[in-house]
Amino acid sequence: MLGNLPDGYRLVTSPDDYERYLDLQDRRLYLTQEIQAFDPEEMTGDMSICSYLIDAILAFNRADKGIKPEMRKPIRLYINSPGGDINEGYSLISAIELSKSRFIPLILVFGILWLF
């Protein structure tokens, strides 16, 4: 038995978890699904994709506290989404605009990569 893990830690139980861990270490975020409106009655334990991305953005900024913005590791956001709820989308945009870390959006449209 491994016992209790400290807060913020959990075991990597699958290759997908390990890949997700590596992506977060490299600050790669993915928006690859429709943005759903937040409905607390329909939530079954998983947060919405926008909430997950906002939490990650805020965590990266907390980790870089005290580091000059130009010296921070950039955040890469891969977007291949059909769109969705406007309010949830704007909350993500607000988090990106408030982030002091540099953002590199990579937008995939019909298999073509657009860099901004």
C-alpha atoms as a PDB file:
ATOM      1  CA  MET A   1       0.000   0.000   0.000  1.00  0.00           C
ATOM      2  CA  LEU A   2       1.379   3.390  -0.970  1.00  0.00           C
ATOM      3  CA  GLY A   3      -0.451   5.418   1.659  1.00  0.00           C
ATOM      4  CA  ASN A   4      -1.777   8.922   1.198  1.00  0.00           C
ATOM      5  CA  LEU A   5      -0.208  11.211  -1.361  1.00  0.00           C
ATOM      6  CA  PRO A   6       0.368  14.900  -0.560  1.00  0.00           C
ATOM      7  CA  ASP A   7      -2.161  17.405  -1.894  1.00  0.00           C
ATOM      8  CA  GLY A   8      -1.744  18.038  -5.608  1.00  0.00           C
ATOM      9  CA  TYR A   9      -0.112  14.663  -6.267  1.00  0.00           C
ATOM     10  CA  ARG A  10      -1.643  11.556  -7.755  1.00  0.00           C
ATOM     11  CA  LEU A  11      -0.371   8.365  -9.256  1.00  0.00           C
ATOM     12  CA  VAL A  12       0.109   8.069 -12.994  1.00  0.00           C
ATOM     13  CA  THR A  13      -2.058   5.069 -13.763  1.00  0.00           C
ATOM     14  CA  SER A  14      -2.014   4.911 -17.558  1.00  0.00           C
ATOM     15  CA  PRO A  15       0.052   5.986 -20.576  1.00  0.00           C
ATOM     16  CA  ASP A  16      -2.547   8.710 -21.242  1.00  0.00           C
ATOM     17  CA  ASP A  17      -1.977  10.128 -17.740  1.00  0.00           C
ATOM     18  CA  TYR A  18       1.768  10.146 -18.385  1.00  0.00           C
ATOM     19  CA  GLU A  19       1.344  11.928 -21.736  1.00  0.00           C
ATOM     20  CA  ARG A  20      -0.935  14.491 -20.069  1.00  0.00           C
ATOM     21  CA  TYR A  21       1.686  14.992 -17.347  1.00  0.00           C
ATOM     22  CA  LEU A  22       4.414  15.586 -19.954  1.00  0.00           C
ATOM     23  CA  ASP A  23       2.180  18.042 -21.820  1.00  0.00           C
ATOM     24  CA  LEU A  24       1.596  20.038 -18.628  1.00  0.00           C
ATOM     25  CA  GLN A  25       5.320  20.022 -17.861  1.00  0.00           C
ATOM     26  CA  ASP A  26       5.941  21.524 -21.327  1.00  0.00           C
ATOM     27  CA  ARG A  27       2.942  23.852 -20.895  1.00  0.00           C
ATOM     28  CA  ARG A  28       1.000  22.408 -23.818  1.00  0.00           C
ATOM     29  CA  LEU A  29      -2.765  22.763 -23.508  1.00  0.00           C
ATOM     30  CA  TYR A  30      -5.372  21.341 -25.890  1.00  0.00           C
ATOM     31  CA  LEU A  31      -8.839  22.577 -26.763  1.00  0.00           C
ATOM     32  CA  THR A  32     -10.142  19.796 -28.989  1.00  0.00           C
ATOM     33  CA  GLN A  33     -13.808  19.589 -28.143  1.00  0.00           C
ATOM     34  CA  GLU A  34     -16.915  21.722 -28.168  1.00  0.00           C
ATOM     35  CA  ILE A  35     -17.012  24.330 -25.414  1.00  0.00           C
ATOM     36  CA  GLN A  36     -19.984  23.438 -23.228  1.00  0.00           C
ATOM     37  CA  ALA A  37     -21.876  25.862 -21.008  1.00  0.00           C
ATOM     38  CA  PHE A  38     -21.306  25.281 -17.315  1.00  0.00           C
ATOM     39  CA  ASP A  39     -24.327  23.588 -15.751  1.00  0.00           C
ATOM     40  CA  PRO A  40     -23.735  22.481 -12.138  1.00  0.00           C
ATOM     41  CA  GLU A  41     -26.703  20.116 -12.275  1.00  0.00           C
ATOM     42  CA  GLU A  42     -25.216  18.169 -15.178  1.00  0.00           C
ATOM     43  CA  MET A  43     -21.632  18.069 -13.905  1.00  0.00           C
ATOM     44  CA  THR A  44     -20.609  14.556 -12.897  1.00  0.00           C
ATOM     45  CA  GLY A  45     -17.278  15.224 -11.226  1.00  0.00           C
ATOM     46  CA  ASP A  46     -15.348  16.421 -14.278  1.00  0.00           C
ATOM     47  CA  MET A  47     -14.887  20.133 -14.830  1.00  0.00           C
ATOM     48  CA  SER A  48     -15.637  21.781 -18.147  1.00  0.00           C
ATOM     49  CA  ILE A  49     -12.802  22.047 -20.663  1.00  0.00           C
ATOM     50  CA  CYS A  50     -12.626  25.834 -20.196  1.00  0.00           C
ATOM     51  CA  SER A  51     -12.441  25.486 -16.406  1.00  0.00           C
ATOM     52  CA  TYR A  52      -9.620  22.971 -16.805  1.00  0.00           C
ATOM     53  CA  LEU A  53      -7.685  25.269 -19.168  1.00  0.00           C
ATOM     54  CA  ILE A  54      -8.231  28.332 -16.956  1.00  0.00           C
ATOM     55  CA  ASP A  55      -7.017  26.398 -13.899  1.00  0.00           C
ATOM     56  CA  ALA A  56      -3.890  25.345 -15.810  1.00  0.00           C
ATOM     57  CA  ILE A  57      -3.203  28.916 -16.990  1.00  0.00           C
ATOM     58  CA  LEU A  58      -3.568  30.266 -13.454  1.00  0.00           C
ATOM     59  CA  ALA A  59      -1.329  27.491 -12.087  1.00  0.00           C
ATOM     60  CA  PHE A  60       1.395  28.321 -14.632  1.00  0.00           C
ATOM     61  CA  ASN A  61       1.227  31.994 -13.636  1.00  0.00           C
ATOM     62  CA  ARG A  62       1.427  31.110  -9.932  1.00  0.00           C
ATOM     63  CA  ALA A  63       4.454  28.921 -10.619  1.00  0.00           C
ATOM     64  CA  ASP A  64       6.163  31.804 -12.445  1.00  0.00           C
ATOM     65  CA  LYS A  65       5.416  34.415  -9.798  1.00  0.00           C
ATOM     66  CA  GLY A  66       8.401  36.725  -9.437  1.00  0.00           C
ATOM     67  CA  ILE A  67       9.834  35.884 -12.879  1.00  0.00           C
ATOM     68  CA  LYS A  68       9.857  38.608 -15.523  1.00  0.00           C
ATOM     69  CA  PRO A  69       7.242  37.973 -18.255  1.00  0.00           C
ATOM     70  CA  GLU A  70       9.879  37.767 -21.011  1.00  0.00           C
ATOM     71  CA  MET A  71      11.775  35.090 -19.039  1.00  0.00           C
ATOM     72  CA  ARG A  72       8.740  32.864 -18.424  1.00  0.00           C
ATOM     73  CA  LYS A  73       8.245  29.610 -20.264  1.00  0.00           C
ATOM     74  CA  PRO A  74       5.554  30.166 -22.946  1.00  0.00           C
ATOM     75  CA  ILE A  75       2.178  28.435 -22.873  1.00  0.00           C
ATOM     76  CA  ARG A  76       1.152  26.681 -26.086  1.00  0.00           C
ATOM     77  CA  LEU A  77      -2.578  26.321 -26.696  1.00  0.00           C
ATOM     78  CA  TYR A  78      -3.554  23.909 -29.465  1.00  0.00           C
ATOM     79  CA  ILE A  79      -7.070  24.707 -30.695  1.00  0.00           C
ATOM     80  CA  ASN A  80      -9.155  22.376 -32.838  1.00  0.00           C
ATOM     81  CA  SER A  81     -12.652  23.110 -31.610  1.00  0.00           C
ATOM     82  CA  PRO A  82     -15.969  23.548 -33.385  1.00  0.00           C
ATOM     83  CA  GLY A  83     -16.797  26.408 -31.002  1.00  0.00           C
ATOM     84  CA  GLY A  84     -19.564  26.328 -28.442  1.00  0.00           C
ATOM     85  CA  ASP A  85     -20.785  28.451 -25.558  1.00  0.00           C
ATOM     86  CA  ILE A  86     -19.834  32.114 -25.878  1.00  0.00           C
ATOM     87  CA  ASN A  87     -19.646  32.885 -22.155  1.00  0.00           C
ATOM     88  CA  GLU A  88     -17.322  29.948 -21.452  1.00  0.00           C
ATOM     89  CA  GLY A  89     -15.188  30.930 -24.441  1.00  0.00           C
ATOM     90  CA  TYR A  90     -14.898  34.521 -23.243  1.00  0.00           C
ATOM     91  CA  SER A  91     -13.874  33.348 -19.769  1.00  0.00           C
ATOM     92  CA  LEU A  92     -10.991  31.465 -21.407  1.00  0.00           C
ATOM     93  CA  ILE A  93     -10.079  34.515 -23.493  1.00  0.00           C
ATOM     94  CA  SER A  94     -10.050  36.663 -20.330  1.00  0.00           C
ATOM     95  CA  ALA A  95      -7.686  34.223 -18.594  1.00  0.00           C
ATOM     96  CA  ILE A  96      -5.366  34.320 -21.613  1.00  0.00           C
ATOM     97  CA  GLU A  97      -5.398  38.141 -21.704  1.00  0.00           C
ATOM     98  CA  LEU A  98      -4.682  38.376 -17.953  1.00  0.00           C
ATOM     99  CA  SER A  99      -1.835  35.867 -18.120  1.00  0.00           C
ATOM    100  CA  LYS A 100       1.605  37.396 -17.808  1.00  0.00           C
ATOM    101  CA  SER A 101       3.152  34.366 -19.508  1.00  0.00           C
ATOM    102  CA  ARG A 102       3.553  34.497 -23.268  1.00  0.00           C
ATOM    103  CA  PHE A 103       0.895  32.570 -25.206  1.00  0.00           C
ATOM    104  CA  ILE A 104       1.453  30.733 -28.460  1.00  0.00           C
ATOM    105  CA  PRO A 105      -1.921  29.783 -29.962  1.00  0.00           C
ATOM    106  CA  LEU A 106      -1.766  27.013 -32.538  1.00  0.00           C
ATOM    107  CA  ILE A 107      -5.034  26.719 -34.433  1.00  0.00           C
ATOM    108  CA  LEU A 108      -5.821  23.615 -36.459  1.00  0.00           C
ATOM    109  CA  VAL A 109      -8.449  24.086 -39.172  1.00  0.00           C
ATOM    110  CA  PHE A 110      -9.159  21.259 -41.592  1.00  0.00           C
ATOM    111  CA  GLY A 111      -5.766  19.732 -40.880  1.00  0.00           C
ATOM    112  CA  ILE A 112      -3.891  22.997 -41.551  1.00  0.00           C
ATOM    113  CA  LEU A 113      -1.843  24.541 -38.745  1.00  0.00           C
ATOM    114  CA  TRP A 114      -2.192  28.319 -38.317  1.00  0.00           C
ATOM    115  CA  LEU A 115       0.386  30.083 -36.139  1.00  0.00           C
ATOM    116  CA  PHE A 116      -0.251  33.494 -34.593  1.00  0.00           C
END
